[in-house]
PDB file of N, CA and C in Angstrom:
ATOM      1  N   MET A   1     268.838 194.037  93.258  1.00  0.00           N
ATOM      2  CA  MET A   1     268.692 193.525  94.732  1.00  0.00           C
ATOM      3  C   MET A   1     269.637 192.587  94.887  1.00  0.00           C
ATOM      4  N   GLU A   2     270.588 192.765  95.897  1.00  0.00           N
ATOM      5  CA  GLU A   2     271.670 191.869  96.221  1.00  0.00           C
ATOM      6  C   GLU A   2     271.322 190.992  97.339  1.00  0.00           C
ATOM      7  N   ARG A   3     271.254 189.741  97.177  1.00  0.00           N
ATOM      8  CA  ARG A   3     270.850 188.663  98.146  1.00  0.00           C
ATOM      9  C   ARG A   3     271.736 187.580  98.074  1.00  0.00           C
ATOM     10  N   GLU A   4     271.830 186.746  98.992  1.00  0.00           N
ATOM     11  CA  GLU A   4     272.693 185.543  99.067  1.00  0.00           C
ATOM     12  C   GLU A   4     271.735 184.500  98.293  1.00  0.00           C
ATOM     13  N   ILE A   5     272.515 183.796  97.498  1.00  0.00           N
ATOM     14  CA  ILE A   5     272.144 182.733  96.599  1.00  0.00           C
ATOM     15  C   ILE A   5     272.862 181.497  96.659  1.00  0.00           C
ATOM     16  N   ARG A   6     272.194 180.386  96.587  1.00  0.00           N
ATOM     17  CA  ARG A   6     273.049 179.011  96.640  1.00  0.00           C
ATOM     18  C   ARG A   6     272.354 178.408  95.259  1.00  0.00           C
ATOM     19  N   TYR A   7     273.259 177.428  94.900  1.00  0.00           N
ATOM     20  CA  TYR A   7     272.778 176.803  93.509  1.00  0.00           C
ATOM     21  C   TYR A   7     273.307 175.428  93.316  1.00  0.00           C
ATOM     22  N   ARG A   8     272.556 174.594  92.528  1.00  0.00           N
ATOM     23  CA  ARG A   8     272.905 173.353  92.357  1.00  0.00           C
ATOM     24  C   ARG A   8     272.498 173.177  90.739  1.00  0.00           C
ATOM     25  N   VAL A   9     273.625 172.452  90.157  1.00  0.00           N
ATOM     26  CA  VAL A   9     273.558 172.344  88.678  1.00  0.00           C
ATOM     27  C   VAL A   9     273.402 171.017  88.393  1.00  0.00           C
ATOM     28  N   LEU A  10     272.461 170.505  87.597  1.00  0.00           N
ATOM     29  CA  LEU A  10     272.243 169.122  87.003  1.00  0.00           C
ATOM     30  C   LEU A  10     272.449 169.045  85.733  1.00  0.00           C
ATOM     31  N   GLU A  11     273.242 167.934  85.268  1.00  0.00           N
ATOM     32  CA  GLU A  11     273.519 167.949  83.858  1.00  0.00           C
ATOM     33  C   GLU A  11     273.717 166.161  83.621  1.00  0.00           C
ATOM     34  N   GLN A  12     273.107 165.837  82.641  1.00  0.00           N
ATOM     35  CA  GLN A  12     272.930 164.433  82.349  1.00  0.00           C
ATOM     36  C   GLN A  12     272.520 163.475  83.641  1.00  0.00           C
ATOM     37  N   ASP A  13     271.775 164.047  84.381  1.00  0.00           N
ATOM     38  CA  ASP A  13     271.214 163.275  85.701  1.00  0.00           C
ATOM     39  C   ASP A  13     272.344 163.449  86.871  1.00  0.00           C
ATOM     40  N   LYS A  14     273.066 164.100  86.921  1.00  0.00           N
ATOM     41  CA  LYS A  14     274.214 164.255  87.871  1.00  0.00           C
ATOM     42  C   LYS A  14     274.268 165.772  88.353  1.00  0.00           C
ATOM     43  N   ILE A  15     274.404 165.799  89.649  1.00  0.00           N
ATOM     44  CA  ILE A  15     274.776 167.226  90.200  1.00  0.00           C
ATOM     45  C   ILE A  15     276.172 167.436  89.946  1.00  0.00           C
ATOM     46  N   ILE A  16     276.361 168.430  88.935  1.00  0.00           N
ATOM     47  CA  ILE A  16     277.872 168.611  88.784  1.00  0.00           C
ATOM     48  C   ILE A  16     278.300 169.747  89.323  1.00  0.00           C
ATOM     49  N   ALA A  17     277.723 170.647  89.922  1.00  0.00           N
ATOM     50  CA  ALA A  17     278.155 171.901  90.791  1.00  0.00           C
ATOM     51  C   ALA A  17     277.222 172.383  91.909  1.00  0.00           C
ATOM     52  N   VAL A  18     277.766 172.703  92.941  1.00  0.00           N
ATOM     53  CA  VAL A  18     277.001 173.381  94.095  1.00  0.00           C
ATOM     54  C   VAL A  18     278.005 174.577  94.667  1.00  0.00           C
ATOM     55  N   GLY A  19     277.051 175.556  94.909  1.00  0.00           N
ATOM     56  CA  GLY A  19     278.086 176.645  95.379  1.00  0.00           C
ATOM     57  C   GLY A  19     277.048 177.853  95.869  1.00  0.00           C
ATOM     58  N   SER A  20     277.729 178.891  96.065  1.00  0.00           N
ATOM     59  CA  SER A  20     276.849 179.980  96.354  1.00  0.00           C
ATOM     60  C   SER A  20     277.473 181.507  95.956  1.00  0.00           C
ATOM     61  N   GLY A  21     276.907 182.646  96.137  1.00  0.00           N
ATOM     62  CA  GLY A  21     277.083 183.765  95.547  1.00  0.00           C
ATOM     63  C   GLY A  21     276.142 184.702  95.897  1.00  0.00           C
ATOM     64  N   LYS A  22     276.188 185.898  95.179  1.00  0.00           N
ATOM     65  CA  LYS A  22     275.312 187.128  95.290  1.00  0.00           C
ATOM     66  C   LYS A  22     274.502 187.431  94.000  1.00  0.00           C
ATOM     67  N   THR A  23     273.303 187.757  94.185  1.00  0.00           N
ATOM     68  CA  THR A  23     272.330 188.172  93.153  1.00  0.00           C
ATOM     69  C   THR A  23     272.970 189.606  92.690  1.00  0.00           C
ATOM     70  N   LEU A  24     272.779 189.637  91.318  1.00  0.00           N
ATOM     71  CA  LEU A  24     273.154 191.009  90.789  1.00  0.00           C
ATOM     72  C   LEU A  24     271.815 191.664  90.379  1.00  0.00           C
ATOM     73  N   ASN A  25     270.965 190.811  89.710  1.00  0.00           N
ATOM     74  CA  ASN A  25     269.636 191.346  89.228  1.00  0.00           C
ATOM     75  C   ASN A  25     268.740 190.114  89.411  1.00  0.00           C
ATOM     76  N   LEU A  26     267.471 190.548  89.804  1.00  0.00           N
ATOM     77  CA  LEU A  26     266.434 189.581  90.065  1.00  0.00           C
ATOM     78  C   LEU A  26     265.174 189.875  89.315  1.00  0.00           C
ATOM     79  N   ALA A  27     264.434 189.235  88.426  1.00  0.00           N
ATOM     80  CA  ALA A  27     263.425 189.638  87.889  1.00  0.00           C
ATOM     81  C   ALA A  27     262.256 188.388  88.038  1.00  0.00           C
ATOM     82  N   SER A  28     261.241 188.378  87.406  1.00  0.00           N
ATOM     83  CA  SER A  28     260.154 187.469  87.929  1.00  0.00           C
ATOM     84  C   SER A  28     260.415 186.188  86.900  1.00  0.00           C
ATOM     85  N   ASN A  29     261.213 186.186  85.790  1.00  0.00           N
ATOM     86  CA  ASN A  29     261.557 184.987  84.946  1.00  0.00           C
ATOM     87  C   ASN A  29     262.917 184.671  84.994  1.00  0.00           C
ATOM     88  N   GLY A  30     263.756 185.331  85.734  1.00  0.00           N
ATOM     89  CA  GLY A  30     265.309 185.177  85.644  1.00  0.00           C
ATOM     90  C   GLY A  30     266.183 185.824  86.764  1.00  0.00           C
ATOM     91  N   VAL A  31     267.256 185.414  86.780  1.00  0.00           N
ATOM     92  CA  VAL A  31     268.157 186.195  87.750  1.00  0.00           C
ATOM     93  C   VAL A  31     269.809 186.097  87.075  1.00  0.00           C
ATOM     94  N   ALA A  32     270.427 187.147  87.481  1.00  0.00           N
ATOM     95  CA  ALA A  32     271.839 187.091  87.316  1.00  0.00           C
ATOM     96  C   ALA A  32     272.724 187.237  88.413  1.00  0.00           C
ATOM     97  N   PHE A  33     273.731 186.448  88.802  1.00  0.00           N
ATOM     98  CA  PHE A  33     274.341 186.309  89.983  1.00  0.00           C
ATOM     99  C   PHE A  33     275.924 186.161  89.746  1.00  0.00           C
ATOM    100  N   ALA A  34     276.656 186.504  90.783  1.00  0.00           N
ATOM    101  CA  ALA A  34     278.010 186.494  90.842  1.00  0.00           C
ATOM    102  C   ALA A  34     278.438 185.249  91.502  1.00  0.00           C
ATOM    103  N   ILE A  35     279.314 184.320  90.917  1.00  0.00           N
ATOM    104  CA  ILE A  35     279.747 183.234  91.841  1.00  0.00           C
ATOM    105  C   ILE A  35     281.249 182.960  91.781  1.00  0.00           C
ATOM    106  N   GLY A  36     281.933 183.680  90.838  1.00  0.00           N
ATOM    107  CA  GLY A  36     283.352 183.649  90.706  1.00  0.00           C
ATOM    108  C   GLY A  36     283.831 182.511  89.755  1.00  0.00           C
ATOM    109  N   ASN A  37     283.031 181.582  89.263  1.00  0.00           N
ATOM    110  CA  ASN A  37     283.193 180.502  88.357  1.00  0.00           C
ATOM    111  C   ASN A  37     282.084 180.345  87.328  1.00  0.00           C
ATOM    112  N   ASP A  38     282.413 179.776  86.217  1.00  0.00           N
ATOM    113  CA  ASP A  38     281.094 179.744  84.993  1.00  0.00           C
ATOM    114  C   ASP A  38     280.691 178.332  85.172  1.00  0.00           C
ATOM    115  N   LEU A  39     279.257 178.187  84.652  1.00  0.00           N
ATOM    116  CA  LEU A  39     278.594 177.067  84.709  1.00  0.00           C
ATOM    117  C   LEU A  39     278.334 176.682  83.328  1.00  0.00           C
ATOM    118  N   PRO A  40     277.967 175.596  82.951  1.00  0.00           N
ATOM    119  CA  PRO A  40     277.628 175.096  81.691  1.00  0.00           C
ATOM    120  C   PRO A  40     276.266 175.622  81.153  1.00  0.00           C
ATOM    121  N   VAL A  41     276.418 176.271  79.941  1.00  0.00           N
ATOM    122  CA  VAL A  41     275.099 176.957  79.372  1.00  0.00           C
ATOM    123  C   VAL A  41     273.930 175.834  78.999  1.00  0.00           C
ATOM    124  N   GLY A  42     272.869 175.901  79.395  1.00  0.00           N
ATOM    125  CA  GLY A  42     271.971 175.046  78.994  1.00  0.00           C
ATOM    126  C   GLY A  42     271.564 174.096  80.128  1.00  0.00           C
ATOM    127  N   ALA A  43     272.548 174.090  81.275  1.00  0.00           N
ATOM    128  CA  ALA A  43     272.196 172.983  82.169  1.00  0.00           C
ATOM    129  C   ALA A  43     271.083 173.554  83.072  1.00  0.00           C
ATOM    130  N   PHE A  44     270.506 172.512  83.605  1.00  0.00           N
ATOM    131  CA  PHE A  44     269.401 172.767  84.672  1.00  0.00           C
ATOM    132  C   PHE A  44     269.949 173.361  85.957  1.00  0.00           C
ATOM    133  N   ILE A  45     269.168 174.194  86.567  1.00  0.00           N
ATOM    134  CA  ILE A  45     269.790 174.761  87.789  1.00  0.00           C
ATOM    135  C   ILE A  45     268.663 174.953  88.879  1.00  0.00           C
ATOM    136  N   GLU A  46     269.004 174.749  90.100  1.00  0.00           N
ATOM    137  CA  GLU A  46     268.097 174.819  91.115  1.00  0.00           C
ATOM    138  C   GLU A  46     268.773 176.018  91.982  1.00  0.00           C
ATOM    139  N   LEU A  47     267.881 177.104  92.388  1.00  0.00           N
ATOM    140  CA  LEU A  47     268.438 178.312  92.937  1.00  0.00           C
ATOM    141  C   LEU A  47     267.954 178.484  94.355  1.00  0.00           C
ATOM    142  N   SER A  48     268.410 178.813  95.301  1.00  0.00           N
ATOM    143  CA  SER A  48     267.848 179.256  96.588  1.00  0.00           C
ATOM    144  C   SER A  48     268.265 180.602  96.959  1.00  0.00           C
ATOM    145  N   ILE A  49     267.450 181.639  97.109  1.00  0.00           N
ATOM    146  CA  ILE A  49     267.652 182.892  97.289  1.00  0.00           C
ATOM    147  C   ILE A  49     267.207 183.351  98.684  1.00  0.00           C
ATOM    148  N   ALA A  50     267.828 183.788  99.463  1.00  0.00           N
ATOM    149  CA  ALA A  50     267.520 184.328 100.858  1.00  0.00           C
ATOM    150  C   ALA A  50     266.430 185.591 100.553  1.00  0.00           C
ATOM    151  N   TRP A  51     265.141 185.505 100.892  1.00  0.00           N
ATOM    152  CA  TRP A  51     264.147 186.554 100.674  1.00  0.00           C
ATOM    153  C   TRP A  51     264.256 187.833 101.610  1.00  0.00           C
ATOM    154  N   PRO A  52     264.248 188.777 101.228  1.00  0.00           N
ATOM    155  CA  PRO A  52     264.243 189.998 102.068  1.00  0.00           C
ATOM    156  C   PRO A  52     262.960 190.120 102.990  1.00  0.00           C
ATOM    157  N   ALA A  53     261.837 189.665 102.843  1.00  0.00           N
ATOM    158  CA  ALA A  53     260.682 189.845 103.722  1.00  0.00           C
ATOM    159  C   ALA A  53     260.479 188.522 104.647  1.00  0.00           C
ATOM    160  N   LEU A  54     260.030 188.873 105.927  1.00  0.00           N
ATOM    161  CA  LEU A  54     259.788 187.795 106.946  1.00  0.00           C
ATOM    162  C   LEU A  54     258.110 187.373 106.750  1.00  0.00           C
ATOM    163  N   LEU A  55     257.813 186.118 107.030  1.00  0.00           N
ATOM    164  CA  LEU A  55     256.642 185.547 107.050  1.00  0.00           C
ATOM    165  C   LEU A  55     256.105 185.811 108.402  1.00  0.00           C
ATOM    166  N   GLU A  56     255.071 186.663 108.544  1.00  0.00           N
ATOM    167  CA  GLU A  56     254.413 187.055 109.663  1.00  0.00           C
ATOM    168  C   GLU A  56     255.422 187.787 110.716  1.00  0.00           C
ATOM    169  N   ASN A  57     256.136 188.543 109.956  1.00  0.00           N
ATOM    170  CA  ASN A  57     257.239 189.347 110.641  1.00  0.00           C
ATOM    171  C   ASN A  57     258.234 188.740 111.564  1.00  0.00           C
ATOM    172  N   ARG A  58     258.248 187.477 111.300  1.00  0.00           N
ATOM    173  CA  ARG A  58     259.362 186.700 112.219  1.00  0.00           C
ATOM    174  C   ARG A  58     259.931 185.558 111.676  1.00  0.00           C
ATOM    175  N   CYS A  59     259.325 184.999 110.720  1.00  0.00           N
ATOM    176  CA  CYS A  59     260.108 183.716 110.073  1.00  0.00           C
ATOM    177  C   CYS A  59     260.760 183.973 108.607  1.00  0.00           C
ATOM    178  N   PRO A  60     262.191 183.809 108.409  1.00  0.00           N
ATOM    179  CA  PRO A  60     262.768 184.068 107.230  1.00  0.00           C
ATOM    180  C   PRO A  60     262.311 183.124 106.040  1.00  0.00           C
ATOM    181  N   LEU A  61     262.248 183.697 104.994  1.00  0.00           N
ATOM    182  CA  LEU A  61     261.788 182.865 103.678  1.00  0.00           C
ATOM    183  C   LEU A  61     263.000 182.851 102.684  1.00  0.00           C
ATOM    184  N   GLN A  62     262.837 181.722 101.904  1.00  0.00           N
ATOM    185  CA  GLN A  62     263.653 181.569 100.609  1.00  0.00           C
ATOM    186  C   GLN A  62     262.880 181.379  99.329  1.00  0.00           C
ATOM    187  N   LEU A  63     263.236 182.022  98.432  1.00  0.00           N
ATOM    188  CA  LEU A  63     262.690 181.604  97.316  1.00  0.00           C
ATOM    189  C   LEU A  63     263.435 180.538  96.578  1.00  0.00           C
ATOM    190  N   ILE A  64     262.903 179.346  96.203  1.00  0.00           N
ATOM    191  CA  ILE A  64     263.498 178.178  95.487  1.00  0.00           C
ATOM    192  C   ILE A  64     263.183 178.271  94.080  1.00  0.00           C
ATOM    193  N   GLY A  65     264.048 178.451  93.083  1.00  0.00           N
ATOM    194  CA  GLY A  65     263.742 178.496  91.565  1.00  0.00           C
ATOM    195  C   GLY A  65     264.264 177.476  90.853  1.00  0.00           C
ATOM    196  N   PHE A  66     263.753 176.982  89.765  1.00  0.00           N
ATOM    197  CA  PHE A  66     264.224 175.993  89.031  1.00  0.00           C
ATOM    198  C   PHE A  66     264.376 176.815  87.454  1.00  0.00           C
ATOM    199  N   GLY A  67     265.338 176.449  86.643  1.00  0.00           N
ATOM    200  CA  GLY A  67     265.558 177.024  85.368  1.00  0.00           C
ATOM    201  C   GLY A  67     266.633 176.508  84.945  1.00  0.00           C
ATOM    202  N   ARG A  68     267.294 177.170  83.574  1.00  0.00           N
ATOM    203  CA  ARG A  68     268.403 176.755  83.191  1.00  0.00           C
ATOM    204  C   ARG A  68     269.237 177.773  82.844  1.00  0.00           C
ATOM    205  N   VAL A  69     270.680 177.567  82.792  1.00  0.00           N
ATOM    206  CA  VAL A  69     271.700 178.611  82.652  1.00  0.00           C
ATOM    207  C   VAL A  69     271.729 178.975  81.163  1.00  0.00           C
ATOM    208  N   LEU A  70     271.513 180.523  81.249  1.00  0.00           N
ATOM    209  CA  LEU A  70     271.579 181.080  79.737  1.00  0.00           C
ATOM    210  C   LEU A  70     272.976 181.649  79.179  1.00  0.00           C
ATOM    211  N   ARG A  71     273.447 182.171  80.287  1.00  0.00           N
ATOM    212  CA  ARG A  71     274.866 182.577  79.954  1.00  0.00           C
ATOM    213  C   ARG A  71     275.696 182.481  81.185  1.00  0.00           C
ATOM    214  N   SER A  72     277.074 182.483  80.898  1.00  0.00           N
ATOM    215  CA  SER A  72     277.815 182.220  82.041  1.00  0.00           C
ATOM    216  C   SER A  72     279.404 182.932  81.436  1.00  0.00           C
ATOM    217  N   ALA A  73     279.853 183.800  82.172  1.00  0.00           N
ATOM    218  CA  ALA A  73     281.165 184.404  81.658  1.00  0.00           C
ATOM    219  C   ALA A  73     281.868 185.065  82.750  1.00  0.00           C
ATOM    220  N   GLY A  74     282.997 185.025  82.979  1.00  0.00           N
ATOM    221  CA  GLY A  74     283.669 185.733  84.074  1.00  0.00           C
ATOM    222  C   GLY A  74     283.250 185.548  85.505  1.00  0.00           C
ATOM    223  N   GLY A  75     282.575 184.434  85.781  1.00  0.00           N
ATOM    224  CA  GLY A  75     281.960 184.150  86.986  1.00  0.00           C
ATOM    225  C   GLY A  75     280.682 184.831  87.306  1.00  0.00           C
ATOM    226  N   VAL A  76     280.124 185.485  86.229  1.00  0.00           N
ATOM    227  CA  VAL A  76     278.638 185.857  86.274  1.00  0.00           C
ATOM    228  C   VAL A  76     277.863 185.011  85.532  1.00  0.00           C
ATOM    229  N   VAL A  77     276.695 184.531  85.959  1.00  0.00           N
ATOM    230  CA  VAL A  77     275.797 183.819  85.454  1.00  0.00           C
ATOM    231  C   VAL A  77     274.383 184.414  85.416  1.00  0.00           C
ATOM    232  N   ALA A  78     273.689 183.962  84.287  1.00  0.00           N
ATOM    233  CA  ALA A  78     272.313 184.522  84.041  1.00  0.00           C
ATOM    234  C   ALA A  78     271.742 183.028  83.806  1.00  0.00           C
ATOM    235  N   SER A  79     270.295 183.066  84.644  1.00  0.00           N
ATOM    236  CA  SER A  79     269.475 181.724  84.424  1.00  0.00           C
ATOM    237  C   SER A  79     268.123 182.302  84.429  1.00  0.00           C
ATOM    238  N   THR A  80     267.197 181.363  83.770  1.00  0.00           N
ATOM    239  CA  THR A  80     265.860 181.472  83.967  1.00  0.00           C
ATOM    240  C   THR A  80     265.268 181.256  85.075  1.00  0.00           C
ATOM    241  N   ILE A  81     264.149 181.688  85.549  1.00  0.00           N
ATOM    242  CA  ILE A  81     263.344 180.925  86.650  1.00  0.00           C
ATOM    243  C   ILE A  81     262.252 180.394  86.012  1.00  0.00           C
ATOM    244  N   GLU A  82     261.845 179.278  86.021  1.00  0.00           N
ATOM    245  CA  GLU A  82     260.567 178.749  85.134  1.00  0.00           C
ATOM    246  C   GLU A  82     259.769 178.225  86.160  1.00  0.00           C
ATOM    247  N   GLN A  83     260.055 177.973  87.370  1.00  0.00           N
ATOM    248  CA  GLN A  83     259.118 177.420  88.238  1.00  0.00           C
ATOM    249  C   GLN A  83     259.752 177.828  89.521  1.00  0.00           C
ATOM    250  N   TYR A  84     258.912 178.040  90.418  1.00  0.00           N
ATOM    251  CA  TYR A  84     259.502 178.759  91.773  1.00  0.00           C
ATOM    252  C   TYR A  84     258.444 178.400  93.019  1.00  0.00           C
ATOM    253  N   GLU A  85     258.870 178.528  94.059  1.00  0.00           N
ATOM    254  CA  GLU A  85     258.299 178.364  95.310  1.00  0.00           C
ATOM    255  C   GLU A  85     258.911 179.052  96.527  1.00  0.00           C
ATOM    256  N   PHE A  86     258.107 179.409  97.437  1.00  0.00           N
ATOM    257  CA  PHE A  86     258.616 180.089  98.620  1.00  0.00           C
ATOM    258  C   PHE A  86     258.729 178.885  99.757  1.00  0.00           C
ATOM    259  N   ARG A  87     259.622 178.927 100.762  1.00  0.00           N
ATOM    260  CA  ARG A  87     259.816 178.106 101.725  1.00  0.00           C
ATOM    261  C   ARG A  87     260.345 178.850 102.830  1.00  0.00           C
ATOM    262  N   THR A  88     259.930 178.290 104.065  1.00  0.00           N
ATOM    263  CA  THR A  88     260.369 178.913 105.274  1.00  0.00           C
ATOM    264  C   THR A  88     261.792 178.489 105.512  1.00  0.00           C
ATOM    265  N   LEU A  89     262.604 179.249 106.246  1.00  0.00           N
ATOM    266  CA  LEU A  89     264.111 179.224 106.314  1.00  0.00           C
ATOM    267  C   LEU A  89     264.210 179.019 108.092  1.00  0.00           C
ATOM    268  N   ALA A  90     265.071 177.900 108.368  1.00  0.00           N
ATOM    269  CA  ALA A  90     265.663 177.971 109.730  1.00  0.00           C
ATOM    270  C   ALA A  90     266.342 179.261 110.016  1.00  0.00           C
ATOM    271  N   ARG A  91     266.480 179.602 111.192  1.00  0.00           N
ATOM    272  CA  ARG A  91     267.071 181.023 111.479  1.00  0.00           C
ATOM    273  C   ARG A  91     268.765 180.640 111.301  1.00  0.00           C
ATOM    274  N   VAL A  92     269.247 179.511 111.807  1.00  0.00           N
ATOM    275  CA  VAL A  92     270.572 179.059 111.562  1.00  0.00           C
ATOM    276  C   VAL A  92     270.621 177.757 110.701  1.00  0.00           C
ATOM    277  N   VAL A  93     271.258 177.903 109.407  1.00  0.00           N
ATOM    278  CA  VAL A  93     271.398 176.899 108.482  1.00  0.00           C
ATOM    279  C   VAL A  93     272.765 176.151 108.755  1.00  0.00           C
ATOM    280  N   PRO A  94     272.678 174.947 109.014  1.00  0.00           N
ATOM    281  CA  PRO A  94     274.056 174.212 109.257  1.00  0.00           C
ATOM    282  C   PRO A  94     274.834 174.233 108.150  1.00  0.00           C
ATOM    283  N   GLU A  95     276.412 174.462 108.241  1.00  0.00           N
ATOM    284  CA  GLU A  95     277.261 174.402 107.111  1.00  0.00           C
ATOM    285  C   GLU A  95     277.157 173.096 106.404  1.00  0.00           C
ATOM    286  N   GLY A  96     276.787 173.225 105.077  1.00  0.00           N
ATOM    287  CA  GLY A  96     276.966 171.952 104.096  1.00  0.00           C
ATOM    288  C   GLY A  96     275.538 171.625 103.987  1.00  0.00           C
ATOM    289  N   ALA A  97     274.465 172.100 104.761  1.00  0.00           N
ATOM    290  CA  ALA A  97     273.121 171.748 104.640  1.00  0.00           C
ATOM    291  C   ALA A  97     272.518 171.691 103.260  1.00  0.00           C
ATOM    292  N   TRP A  98     272.987 172.657 102.556  1.00  0.00           N
ATOM    293  CA  TRP A  98     272.404 172.730 101.228  1.00  0.00           C
ATOM    294  C   TRP A  98     272.995 171.826 100.067  1.00  0.00           C
ATOM    295  N   SER A  99     274.277 171.399 100.219  1.00  0.00           N
ATOM    296  CA  SER A  99     274.934 170.472  99.432  1.00  0.00           C
ATOM    297  C   SER A  99     274.276 169.019  99.676  1.00  0.00           C
ATOM    298  N   ALA A 100     274.106 168.921 100.798  1.00  0.00           N
ATOM    299  CA  ALA A 100     273.693 167.591 101.345  1.00  0.00           C
ATOM    300  C   ALA A 100     272.260 167.304 101.079  1.00  0.00           C
ATOM    301  N   ARG A 101     271.441 168.416 100.941  1.00  0.00           N
ATOM    302  CA  ARG A 101     269.860 168.238 100.698  1.00  0.00           C
ATOM    303  C   ARG A 101     269.684 167.243  99.389  1.00  0.00           C
ATOM    304  N   GLY A 102     268.742 166.431  99.552  1.00  0.00           N
ATOM    305  CA  GLY A 102     268.173 165.729  98.308  1.00  0.00           C
ATOM    306  C   GLY A 102     267.834 166.466  97.204  1.00  0.00           C
ATOM    307  N   ASP A 103     268.415 165.829  95.691  1.00  0.00           N
ATOM    308  CA  ASP A 103     268.202 166.693  94.801  1.00  0.00           C
ATOM    309  C   ASP A 103     266.951 165.990  93.971  1.00  0.00           C
ATOM    310  N   GLN A 104     266.075 165.302  94.528  1.00  0.00           N
ATOM    311  CA  GLN A 104     265.081 164.715  93.810  1.00  0.00           C
ATOM    312  C   GLN A 104     264.218 165.711  93.073  1.00  0.00           C
ATOM    313  N   LYS A 105     263.907 166.923  93.677  1.00  0.00           N
ATOM    314  CA  LYS A 105     262.859 167.851  92.972  1.00  0.00           C
ATOM    315  C   LYS A 105     263.529 168.456  91.881  1.00  0.00           C
ATOM    316  N   LEU A 106     264.714 168.811  91.827  1.00  0.00           N
ATOM    317  CA  LEU A 106     265.546 169.276  90.687  1.00  0.00           C
ATOM    318  C   LEU A 106     265.504 168.079  89.529  1.00  0.00           C
ATOM    319  N   ARG A 107     265.916 166.877  90.011  1.00  0.00           N
ATOM    320  CA  ARG A 107     265.773 165.642  88.954  1.00  0.00           C
ATOM    321  C   ARG A 107     264.296 165.659  88.314  1.00  0.00           C
ATOM    322  N   ARG A 108     263.486 165.660  88.966  1.00  0.00           N
ATOM    323  CA  ARG A 108     262.043 165.611  88.588  1.00  0.00           C
ATOM    324  C   ARG A 108     261.592 166.638  87.731  1.00  0.00           C
ATOM    325  N   TRP A 109     261.861 167.986  88.045  1.00  0.00           N
ATOM    326  CA  TRP A 109     261.619 169.063  87.269  1.00  0.00           C
ATOM    327  C   TRP A 109     262.361 169.017  85.911  1.00  0.00           C
ATOM    328  N   ALA A 110     263.667 168.698  86.001  1.00  0.00           N
ATOM    329  CA  ALA A 110     264.580 168.481  84.767  1.00  0.00           C
ATOM    330  C   ALA A 110     263.811 167.378  83.805  1.00  0.00           C
ATOM    331  N   GLU A 111     263.385 166.292  84.411  1.00  0.00           N
ATOM    332  CA  GLU A 111     262.713 165.235  83.652  1.00  0.00           C
ATOM    333  C   GLU A 111     261.564 165.669  82.986  1.00  0.00           C
ATOM    334  N   ALA A 112     260.805 166.420  83.569  1.00  0.00           N
ATOM    335  CA  ALA A 112     259.412 167.071  83.126  1.00  0.00           C
ATOM    336  C   ALA A 112     259.438 167.927  82.123  1.00  0.00           C
ATOM    337  N   VAL A 113     260.739 168.775  82.161  1.00  0.00           N
ATOM    338  CA  VAL A 113     260.975 169.717  81.185  1.00  0.00           C
ATOM    339  C   VAL A 113     261.490 168.997  79.861  1.00  0.00           C
ATOM    340  N   ALA A 114     262.240 167.971  80.014  1.00  0.00           N
ATOM    341  CA  ALA A 114     262.940 167.157  78.788  1.00  0.00           C
ATOM    342  C   ALA A 114     261.688 166.546  78.211  1.00  0.00           C
ATOM    343  N   ARG A 115     260.794 165.784  78.899  1.00  0.00           N
ATOM    344  CA  ARG A 115     259.675 165.328  78.276  1.00  0.00           C
ATOM    345  C   ARG A 115     258.830 166.287  77.380  1.00  0.00           C
ATOM    346  N   GLY A 116     258.704 167.587  77.755  1.00  0.00           N
ATOM    347  CA  GLY A 116     258.082 168.477  77.039  1.00  0.00           C
ATOM    348  C   GLY A 116     256.831 168.663  77.634  1.00  0.00           C
TER     349      GLY A 116
END
């Protein structure tokens, strides 16, 4: 399933990468996507995937997933999806809104995973 994807990568408590691309393969516990550059293996990642179904046939959805980068080579990344939630999506997303959004949920998730 090819869908638009946006990502943010957290490493050592800092967002080190933000970008977008297209999904290549999506499963319940992971996703492969093309972004044109590589990401650090093992880093925490937050993903936002445009979901193909509408809520009540009128409201766009996005899948927000949290995981880790498993592989990255030649601009193709594979990551886990260890936690996820669905959110409603505005019809028009202002340019730069994804990168400007607070990253506290990603940080809290990464800290919880690190604590075990």
